[in-house]
């Protein structure tokens, strides 16, 4: 295992938390969220998620 894994996970969680805090996330108009999967090397989504982001109003 990588000795920096714990620190990397903390930074990743902080980065994602800031994205959630700073932006409003909405689905792209006209597209439905499809959670179906396909089997590759690992399980992946058939159709990747797409989102529109808007800065949050203060």
Protein backbone atom coordinates (compact mmCIF):
# COMPACT_ATOMS: atom_id res chain seq x y z
CA UNK A 1 0.00 0.00 0.00
CA UNK A 2 1.05 3.56 -0.58
CA UNK A 3 2.23 5.30 2.60
CA UNK A 4 0.55 8.54 1.47
CA UNK A 5 -2.89 6.96 0.92
CA UNK A 6 -4.40 8.32 4.13
CA UNK A 7 -3.24 11.87 3.43
CA UNK A 8 -4.39 11.65 -0.20
CA UNK A 9 -7.88 10.51 0.89
CA UNK A 10 -8.14 13.43 3.32
CA UNK A 11 -7.26 15.89 0.56
CA UNK A 12 -9.70 14.27 -1.86
CA UNK A 13 -12.55 14.40 0.67
CA UNK A 14 -11.76 18.06 1.40
CA UNK A 15 -11.73 18.87 -2.34
CA UNK A 16 -15.10 17.18 -2.97
CA UNK A 17 -16.64 18.82 0.12
CA UNK A 18 -15.59 22.24 -1.18
CA UNK A 19 -17.14 21.51 -4.60
CA UNK A 20 -20.42 20.57 -2.94
CA UNK A 21 -20.32 23.66 -0.72
CA UNK A 22 -19.46 26.17 -3.45
CA UNK A 23 -21.70 24.96 -6.31
CA UNK A 24 -25.31 24.03 -6.93
CA UNK A 25 -25.47 20.74 -8.85
CA UNK A 26 -28.31 19.99 -11.28
CA UNK A 27 -28.92 17.32 -13.90
CA UNK A 28 -28.49 18.34 -17.54
CA UNK A 29 -31.89 19.25 -18.96
CA UNK A 30 -33.37 16.62 -21.23
CA UNK A 31 -31.18 13.83 -19.88
CA UNK A 32 -32.28 11.24 -17.36
CA UNK A 33 -29.90 9.77 -14.82
CA UNK A 34 -29.19 6.19 -15.89
CA UNK A 35 -27.67 4.05 -13.13
CA UNK A 36 -27.23 0.93 -15.27
CA UNK A 37 -23.81 -0.72 -15.22
CA UNK A 38 -21.46 -2.49 -17.60
CA UNK A 39 -18.75 -4.96 -16.73
CA UNK A 40 -15.25 -3.96 -17.79
CA UNK A 41 -12.09 -4.49 -15.75
CA UNK A 42 -14.30 -3.18 -12.94
CA UNK A 43 -17.99 -2.28 -12.91
CA UNK A 44 -18.59 1.08 -14.59
CA UNK A 45 -21.63 3.13 -15.50
CA UNK A 46 -22.95 2.63 -19.04
CA UNK A 47 -23.68 6.36 -19.36
CA UNK A 48 -21.43 8.67 -17.33
CA UNK A 49 -23.18 11.21 -15.13
CA UNK A 50 -23.37 14.75 -16.46
CA UNK A 51 -24.18 17.75 -14.31
CA UNK A 52 -24.54 21.49 -14.62
CA UNK A 53 -22.97 23.57 -11.89
CA UNK A 54 -23.92 27.04 -10.77
CA UNK A 55 -22.11 29.14 -8.17
CA UNK A 56 -24.10 29.33 -4.94
CA UNK A 57 -25.54 32.73 -4.14
CA UNK A 58 -24.34 34.24 -0.91
